Protein backbone atom coordinates (compact mmCIF):
# COMPACT_ATOMS: atom_id res chain seq x y z
CA MET A 1 -0.06 -0.27 0.28
CA ASP A 2 1.02 3.59 -0.81
CA PHE A 3 0.42 5.79 2.02
CA LEU A 4 0.15 9.67 0.60
CA PRO A 5 0.35 12.92 3.22
CA SER A 6 -1.81 15.62 3.13
CA ARG A 7 1.38 18.53 2.37
CA ARG A 8 2.26 18.29 5.79
CA LEU A 9 2.84 15.23 7.67
CA GLN A 10 1.98 16.70 10.87
CA ALA A 11 -1.54 14.88 11.50
CA PHE A 12 0.00 11.82 11.42
CA SER A 13 -2.46 9.93 9.09
CA TYR A 14 -2.54 7.51 6.27
CA PHE A 15 -4.78 7.91 2.73
CA LEU A 16 -3.80 4.91 1.33
CA LEU A 17 -3.56 3.61 -2.28
CA ALA A 18 -3.17 0.13 -4.07
CA SER A 19 -0.07 0.19 -5.59
CA GLY A 20 2.07 -0.87 -2.34
CA VAL A 21 4.78 1.19 -2.87
CA VAL A 22 5.77 4.34 -0.20
CA LEU A 23 5.33 7.56 -1.17
CA ALA A 24 5.31 9.35 2.03
CA HIS A 25 3.51 7.93 5.50
CA SER A 26 4.11 9.15 8.86
CA ASP A 27 3.14 6.27 11.55
CA ASN A 28 6.29 6.82 13.71
CA ILE A 29 7.40 3.28 13.72
CA PRO A 30 10.31 3.84 14.30
CA VAL A 31 12.85 1.72 11.93
CA ARG A 32 15.41 0.16 14.26
CA LEU A 33 18.83 -1.56 12.66
CA GLU A 34 20.83 -3.79 14.20
CA GLU A 35 23.90 -2.28 14.94
CA CYS A 36 23.34 1.06 14.57
CA GLN A 37 22.56 3.34 17.59
CA GLU A 38 20.33 5.81 15.46
CA ASN A 39 16.42 5.55 15.87
CA PHE A 40 14.69 7.28 12.84
CA VAL A 41 11.18 7.29 11.63
CA GLN A 42 10.44 7.07 7.08
CA VAL A 43 8.47 10.14 6.71
CA GLY A 44 8.23 9.47 2.60
CA CYS A 45 10.35 10.07 -1.32
CA TYR A 46 9.86 13.17 -2.38
CA LYS A 47 11.06 15.57 -4.86
CA ASP A 48 14.08 17.75 -4.85
CA LYS A 49 14.16 20.31 -7.80
CA THR A 50 15.44 23.07 -5.86
CA ARG A 51 17.61 21.40 -2.90
CA PRO A 52 14.99 21.24 0.21
CA LEU A 53 18.04 19.44 1.94
CA PRO A 54 21.39 21.74 1.23
CA LYS A 55 23.74 20.14 3.01
CA LEU A 56 25.49 17.07 1.91
CA LEU A 57 26.10 15.19 5.28
CA LEU A 58 27.91 12.12 3.82
CA ASN A 59 28.68 10.45 -0.06
CA MET A 60 29.10 6.52 -0.24
CA ARG A 61 28.54 6.08 -3.79
CA ASN A 62 31.42 6.19 -4.89
CA SER A 63 33.12 4.49 -2.06
CA GLU A 64 31.01 1.78 -0.70
CA LEU A 65 28.64 1.51 -3.89
CA ARG A 66 30.56 -0.04 -5.93
CA THR A 67 30.61 -2.72 -4.02
CA GLY A 68 27.42 -2.46 -2.56
CA TRP A 69 25.36 -3.67 -5.23
CA ASP A 70 26.54 -7.14 -4.67
CA ASN A 71 24.66 -6.24 -0.90
CA TRP A 72 22.12 -4.40 -1.73
CA GLU A 73 20.18 -4.35 1.41
CA GLU A 74 23.04 -4.83 3.80
CA PHE A 75 24.72 -0.78 1.84
CA LEU A 76 21.04 0.66 2.73
CA LYS A 77 21.17 -0.05 6.23
CA ARG A 78 24.79 1.23 6.71
CA LEU A 79 23.78 4.37 4.70
CA ALA A 80 21.24 5.04 6.62
CA CYS A 81 22.72 4.39 9.76
CA ARG A 82 25.34 6.42 9.24
CA CYS A 83 23.26 9.33 7.73
CA ALA A 84 21.79 9.19 11.06
CA GLU A 85 24.48 9.63 13.02
CA LYS A 86 26.24 12.83 11.47
CA THR A 87 22.00 13.74 11.26
CA ARG A 88 22.29 13.90 14.69
CA ARG A 89 25.84 15.17 15.30
CA GLU A 90 25.21 18.72 13.30
CA ALA A 91 21.76 19.13 15.56
CA TYR A 92 19.75 18.13 12.50
CA THR A 93 16.15 16.26 12.77
CA TYR A 94 15.51 15.14 9.35
CA PHE A 95 17.27 13.72 6.92
CA GLY A 96 17.36 12.69 3.23
CA LEU A 97 19.02 9.59 1.53
CA GLN A 98 19.36 10.08 -2.89
CA PHE A 99 20.93 9.45 -5.10
CA TYR A 100 22.06 5.72 -4.18
CA GLY A 101 24.46 6.83 -1.58
CA GLU A 102 23.69 10.49 -0.70
CA CYS A 103 22.76 11.88 2.91
CA TRP A 104 21.29 15.51 2.76
CA SER A 105 19.98 17.77 5.49
CA GLY A 106 20.34 21.42 6.70
CA VAL A 107 18.96 24.61 8.88
CA LYS A 108 14.86 24.17 8.68
CA GLU A 109 14.88 20.71 6.96
CA ASN A 110 11.44 19.87 8.65
CA VAL A 111 10.19 22.91 7.02
CA THR A 112 11.82 22.64 3.74
CA TYR A 113 11.80 19.13 2.88
CA ASP A 114 8.67 18.54 0.53
CA ASN A 115 8.54 21.83 -0.92
CA ASP A 116 9.27 20.66 -4.20
CA GLY A 117 6.41 17.52 -3.92
CA ILE A 118 6.16 13.80 -3.26
CA SER A 119 7.59 11.59 -5.32
CA ARG A 120 7.55 8.03 -6.58
CA GLY A 121 11.19 7.43 -7.83
CA CYS A 122 12.45 5.58 -4.39
CA VAL A 123 13.64 1.79 -3.96
CA GLY A 124 13.97 -0.37 -1.25
CA GLU A 125 15.80 -2.81 -0.30
CA LYS A 126 15.26 -4.38 -3.53
CA PRO A 127 17.66 -1.81 -5.61
CA ARG A 128 15.74 -2.44 -8.80
CA LYS A 129 12.00 -2.24 -7.05
CA ARG A 130 10.07 0.85 -5.52
CA CYS A 131 9.80 1.51 -2.16
CA ARG A 132 7.17 -0.37 -0.57
CA HIS A 133 5.71 0.06 3.00
CA VAL A 134 7.59 -3.57 4.07
CA ASP A 135 10.80 -2.22 3.52
CA ARG A 136 12.39 -0.91 6.67
CA VAL A 137 14.96 1.68 4.36
CA CYS A 138 14.56 3.18 1.09
CA VAL A 139 16.52 5.59 -0.45
CA GLY A 140 16.31 8.79 -3.23
CA LYS A 141 17.07 7.96 -6.87
CA ALA A 142 18.46 11.05 -9.10
CA LYS A 143 16.94 14.56 -7.85
CA ARG A 144 14.69 12.43 -5.56
CA ASN A 145 15.00 12.25 -0.75
CA PHE A 146 13.66 9.55 0.88
CA ILE A 147 13.03 11.60 3.87
CA TYR A 148 12.58 10.08 7.61
CA ARG A 149 13.05 11.77 10.88
CA LEU A 150 15.01 11.66 13.81
CA ILE A 151 14.04 10.20 17.12
CA LYS A 152 15.36 12.28 19.88
CA PRO A 153 17.42 9.08 22.24
CA THR A 154 15.59 7.83 24.90
CA SER A 155 18.15 8.28 27.97
CA SER A 156 18.54 4.96 29.81
CA ALA A 157 18.39 4.28 33.68
CA GLY A 158 20.80 5.24 35.54
CA ASN A 159 21.85 8.16 33.44
């Protein structure tokens, strides 16, 4: 099913489409990846015509993607985790995975990430398949961001 929100995701409601492709959603279910200290939620797939997330935080296209095609799902998890970590260090809340291996964010990212509209140009854990609601991690193709929102870390007992 597709999850298609109103322009802003503040209401956290679903609008379902029949194709099984994730356009955008906000179910607030954390993405939990093994061996990743950060937790985040999927927001959805958005166009990038005007660079709504202006800061490139990480580019794994030329380094790890060459070998990542053979183990795409693990590469994608590593990309998402490293991007989430860098986003937290920069004190941002939202980040976008784009062009199969780039991580973007920036000031006021929560206001700008959807400026160019929703897109169908994101892939999931199968590199040639559109992102589906069962995919834990997705990435945008060229000029597309799959957006995530960091969840505030929970303090552990004793801290």
